[in-house]
Each structure stands twice: as structure tokens, then as C-alpha cells.
Amino acid sequence: MQSSSNYSLAVAVWNAINVILTFVQDLYKRTVILTVRVRPVYIPYVAIPRGIKQRRISQRGQSMVEACLLFPWFVFLFVGAVDAGFDLYALIGVQSAARIAVLYTSSSSSTANASATACSLVLQDLNYMPNIYNQVTSCSALPLEVTATGPTTDQFGNSYSTVSVTYQTVSLIPIPGVLAAQFTITRTAQMQLRS
């Protein structure tokens, strides 16, 4: 009984699909025929009255005034987008550098507080930043500070290594109330010791 109802349902769906496809094909054929039968309409040249022509010239001046009023806002939005791009790029880079450094320091308990090696790994990862590239060689003062601490033990007896990376962005154009000229980003990563 159930198999016959499934079969009749499948047949009904198949018939509905065929009806829809036939309708779409018929509609397409009619559209093609209609577009083939359409002929272009030729409008003879009509002289533009003097008042309409002067109105168009004054509208050009109005458009120029509107463009001059909106141009500073477009510049403002462009500068804000560039500033936000630099800041978000730095935020992602600092988080990535902290993860790379803690991946090394969590390899054993002897490397858990190796700040010098963590510093060199962070410098390699953040070397593309504009105020670090070929300028910063240590991680003890801003624009870059790296601190590796560990091993610390939690209440369950698991040992962890923690790396904190602090980066100060380049000074850009501030947008009052929205974006400051310079940000200090701090990201901390913690990972359980592997051995």
C-alpha cells in the first residue's frame, strides 16, 4: 500500500515538473517571437525650447555645488577605511605572532619562559609592520614588547606557558570620536606544555 502511494506521489511530482518546464519553454518562445517582431520607433528631431536648455545648464551648476559639498565627506570616509584597515591588520598580526610564540614556548618546561626566543619569533612574524621593519631588534620597549612566563600550574595539575605581545601601531590620521591616531594592542596566548 505504501509503495503505491510513493509511486503515485513520484508521478504527481514528475507531472508537475513537466508542466512547469513546458510553461517556461512556451514563455521563452513567445518572448523570442515578441522581441523579433518589435520594430524601432523613430522620433523626429524636435528643437529644445530655450527655457529647458537654461534649466539644464543651471542643473549642472547645482551638481557641481553638491559634489563640492560631499567631497570632504568622501575623503573622510576613505581615510577612515584606510586607518581601520591598518589597525585591523595589526590586530590580526599581533594575535598570530602571540600564537606562534606560545607554540614554541609550550614545547617543554625549559622553554616555557624563553622570552628571547619568543621575541625573535614575534619579530619574524611582525617584520612586515611599518614601524618594525628593519627598525626594531629587541622586545623590551614599545612599539613591541614580548613577555613569556611559565610554567604555571592550574588546579588540575596541568602546566601552561603564556606569551603576551604588546604592539603600538603607527600614528595615522585620527577621526575624532571614532578612531584614535595610535593604538596599543595587547594579545595573550596560553598553551598547555606538551612535555
Protein backbone atom coordinates (compact mmCIF):
# COMPACT_ATOMS: atom_id res chain seq x y z
CA MET A 1 0.00 0.00 0.00
CA GLN A 2 2.76 2.39 0.92
CA SER A 3 4.80 1.68 -2.21
CA SER A 4 1.84 2.54 -4.48
CA SER A 5 1.32 5.86 -2.64
CA ASN A 6 5.04 6.67 -3.04
CA TYR A 7 4.77 5.78 -6.72
CA SER A 8 1.71 8.00 -7.22
CA LEU A 9 3.45 10.85 -5.36
CA ALA A 10 6.51 10.50 -7.61
CA VAL A 11 4.30 10.54 -10.70
CA ALA A 12 2.49 13.65 -9.47
CA VAL A 13 5.79 15.46 -8.84
CA TRP A 14 7.08 14.38 -12.26
CA ASN A 15 3.93 15.68 -13.96
CA ALA A 16 4.18 18.99 -12.09
CA ILE A 17 7.79 19.42 -13.18
CA ASN A 18 6.83 18.68 -16.81
CA VAL A 19 4.02 21.25 -16.69
CA ILE A 20 6.37 23.91 -15.30
CA LEU A 21 9.06 23.15 -17.89
CA THR A 22 6.50 23.28 -20.71
CA PHE A 23 5.21 26.61 -19.46
CA VAL A 24 8.75 28.06 -19.25
CA GLN A 25 9.58 26.82 -22.77
CA ASP A 26 6.35 28.27 -24.14
CA LEU A 27 7.01 31.58 -22.39
CA TYR A 28 10.54 31.68 -23.82
CA LYS A 29 9.23 31.03 -27.34
CA ARG A 30 6.67 33.82 -27.03
CA THR A 31 9.29 36.21 -25.70
CA VAL A 32 11.59 35.46 -28.62
CA ILE A 33 8.77 35.94 -31.11
CA LEU A 34 7.77 39.22 -29.48
CA THR A 35 11.30 40.53 -29.49
CA VAL A 36 11.72 39.61 -33.13
CA ARG A 37 8.52 41.46 -34.13
CA VAL A 38 9.36 44.69 -32.32
CA ARG A 39 10.44 47.45 -34.69
CA PRO A 40 12.39 50.51 -33.66
CA VAL A 41 10.39 53.69 -33.39
CA TYR A 42 11.98 56.75 -34.97
CA ILE A 43 11.34 60.03 -33.20
CA PRO A 44 11.89 63.06 -35.41
CA TYR A 45 14.28 65.75 -34.14
CA VAL A 46 12.50 68.32 -32.05
CA ALA A 47 14.16 71.58 -31.11
CA ILE A 48 14.59 72.02 -27.36
CA PRO A 49 12.85 75.14 -26.10
CA ARG A 50 15.11 77.83 -24.63
CA GLY A 51 13.77 77.54 -21.07
CA ILE A 52 14.50 73.81 -20.82
CA LYS A 53 18.05 74.31 -22.10
CA GLN A 54 18.77 77.01 -19.50
CA ARG A 55 17.34 74.77 -16.79
CA ARG A 56 19.79 72.02 -17.76
CA ILE A 57 22.74 74.42 -17.54
CA SER A 58 21.66 75.55 -14.07
CA GLN A 59 21.33 71.92 -13.01
CA ARG A 60 24.95 71.38 -13.98
CA GLY A 61 25.97 74.12 -11.58
CA GLN A 62 23.82 72.60 -8.87
CA SER A 63 25.51 69.23 -9.37
CA MET A 64 28.91 70.88 -9.05
CA VAL A 65 27.93 72.52 -5.76
CA GLU A 66 26.59 69.22 -4.41
CA ALA A 67 29.80 67.45 -5.41
CA CYS A 68 31.90 70.11 -3.69
CA LEU A 69 29.85 69.76 -0.51
CA LEU A 70 30.10 65.95 -0.49
CA PHE A 71 33.77 65.63 -1.47
CA PRO A 72 35.17 66.23 2.06
CA TRP A 73 32.87 63.53 3.43
CA PHE A 74 34.10 61.05 0.84
CA VAL A 75 37.71 61.87 1.76
CA PHE A 76 36.79 61.47 5.43
CA LEU A 77 35.29 58.02 4.75
CA PHE A 78 38.30 56.96 2.66
CA VAL A 79 40.77 57.98 5.37
CA GLY A 80 38.67 56.16 7.98
CA ALA A 81 38.68 52.99 5.88
CA VAL A 82 42.47 53.15 5.44
CA ASP A 83 43.01 53.76 9.17
CA ALA A 84 40.69 50.92 10.14
CA GLY A 85 42.47 48.64 7.66
CA PHE A 86 45.88 49.36 9.20
CA ASP A 87 44.56 48.81 12.72
CA LEU A 88 42.76 45.56 11.91
CA TYR A 89 45.81 44.28 10.03
CA ALA A 90 47.95 44.97 13.10
CA LEU A 91 45.39 43.29 15.38
CA ILE A 92 45.39 40.10 13.32
CA GLY A 93 49.20 40.11 13.06
CA VAL A 94 49.73 40.51 16.81
CA GLN A 95 47.33 37.65 17.57
CA SER A 96 49.12 35.43 15.08
CA ALA A 97 52.54 36.33 16.49
CA ALA A 98 51.40 35.51 20.04
CA ARG A 99 50.15 32.11 18.90
CA ILE A 100 53.40 31.33 17.08
CA ALA A 101 55.49 32.29 20.11
CA VAL A 102 53.41 30.27 22.58
CA LEU A 103 53.56 27.28 20.25
CA TYR A 104 57.35 27.31 20.71
CA THR A 105 57.38 28.07 24.44
CA SER A 106 54.92 25.27 25.20
CA SER A 107 57.17 22.61 23.70
CA SER A 108 58.81 21.85 27.08
CA SER A 109 59.13 23.19 30.62
CA SER A 110 62.63 24.51 29.88
CA THR A 111 61.34 26.75 27.05
CA ALA A 112 58.22 27.90 28.90
CA ASN A 113 59.76 31.24 29.86
CA ALA A 114 62.16 31.74 26.91
CA SER A 115 61.36 35.38 26.22
CA ALA A 116 64.38 35.90 23.94
CA THR A 117 63.38 33.12 21.54
CA ALA A 118 59.73 34.20 21.70
CA CYS A 119 60.90 37.73 20.85
CA SER A 120 62.79 36.54 17.77
CA LEU A 121 59.76 34.54 16.58
CA VAL A 122 57.45 37.52 17.07
CA LEU A 123 59.89 39.81 15.24
CA GLN A 124 59.95 37.40 12.31
CA ASP A 125 56.19 37.30 12.18
CA LEU A 126 55.67 41.07 12.59
CA ASN A 127 58.54 42.11 10.33
CA TYR A 128 56.02 43.40 7.75
CA MET A 129 54.65 46.05 10.11
CA PRO A 130 55.71 49.57 9.05
CA ASN A 131 57.26 50.61 12.37
CA ILE A 132 59.06 47.28 12.98
CA TYR A 133 60.58 46.51 9.57
CA ASN A 134 64.40 46.82 9.93
CA GLN A 135 63.95 49.17 12.91
CA VAL A 136 63.20 47.05 15.99
CA THR A 137 65.70 44.45 17.21
CA SER A 138 64.56 43.89 20.81
CA CYS A 139 61.24 43.35 22.52
CA SER A 140 61.76 45.32 25.71
CA ALA A 141 60.15 48.67 24.79
CA LEU A 142 57.33 49.91 22.60
CA PRO A 143 56.46 49.57 19.72
CA LEU A 144 56.94 45.88 20.59
CA GLU A 145 57.06 44.12 23.95
CA VAL A 146 57.09 40.33 24.36
CA THR A 147 56.86 38.52 27.68
CA ALA A 148 56.96 34.74 28.11
CA THR A 149 56.01 33.32 31.51
CA GLY A 150 55.71 29.80 32.75
CA PRO A 151 55.39 27.11 33.60
CA THR A 152 52.27 27.86 35.61
CA THR A 153 50.11 25.09 37.02
CA ASP A 154 46.33 25.13 37.30
CA GLN A 155 44.17 23.42 39.93
CA PHE A 156 44.17 20.13 37.99
CA GLY A 157 47.97 19.90 37.77
CA ASN A 158 48.29 20.94 34.11
CA SER A 159 51.28 23.15 33.29
CA TYR A 160 50.94 26.10 30.92
CA SER A 161 53.14 28.58 29.11
CA THR A 162 51.88 32.11 28.49
CA VAL A 163 53.13 34.67 25.96
CA SER A 164 51.99 38.28 25.97
CA VAL A 165 52.66 40.50 22.93
CA THR A 166 52.12 44.27 23.08
CA TYR A 167 52.34 46.29 19.86
CA GLN A 168 51.90 50.03 19.28
CA THR A 169 50.54 50.89 15.84
CA VAL A 170 51.87 53.63 13.60
CA SER A 171 50.43 57.08 14.11
CA LEU A 172 47.77 57.71 11.47
CA ILE A 173 45.16 60.39 10.88
CA PRO A 174 42.71 60.37 13.83
CA ILE A 175 38.95 60.51 13.38
CA PRO A 176 37.52 62.29 16.44
CA GLY A 177 35.13 60.10 18.37
CA VAL A 178 35.72 57.07 16.14
CA LEU A 179 39.40 56.20 15.69
CA ALA A 180 42.41 57.36 17.68
CA ALA A 181 45.67 58.23 15.95
CA GLN A 182 47.53 55.36 17.60
CA PHE A 183 46.52 52.14 19.33
CA THR A 184 48.34 49.84 21.73
CA ILE A 185 47.30 46.26 21.10
CA THR A 186 47.98 43.52 23.66
CA ARG A 187 47.29 39.87 22.94
CA THR A 188 48.00 36.97 25.29
CA ALA A 189 48.17 33.32 24.26
CA GLN A 190 48.32 30.38 26.64
CA MET A 191 49.02 26.76 25.80
CA GLN A 192 49.47 23.59 27.81
CA LEU A 193 53.01 22.24 27.94
CA ARG A 194 53.49 19.27 25.67
CA SER A 195 56.28 17.63 27.68
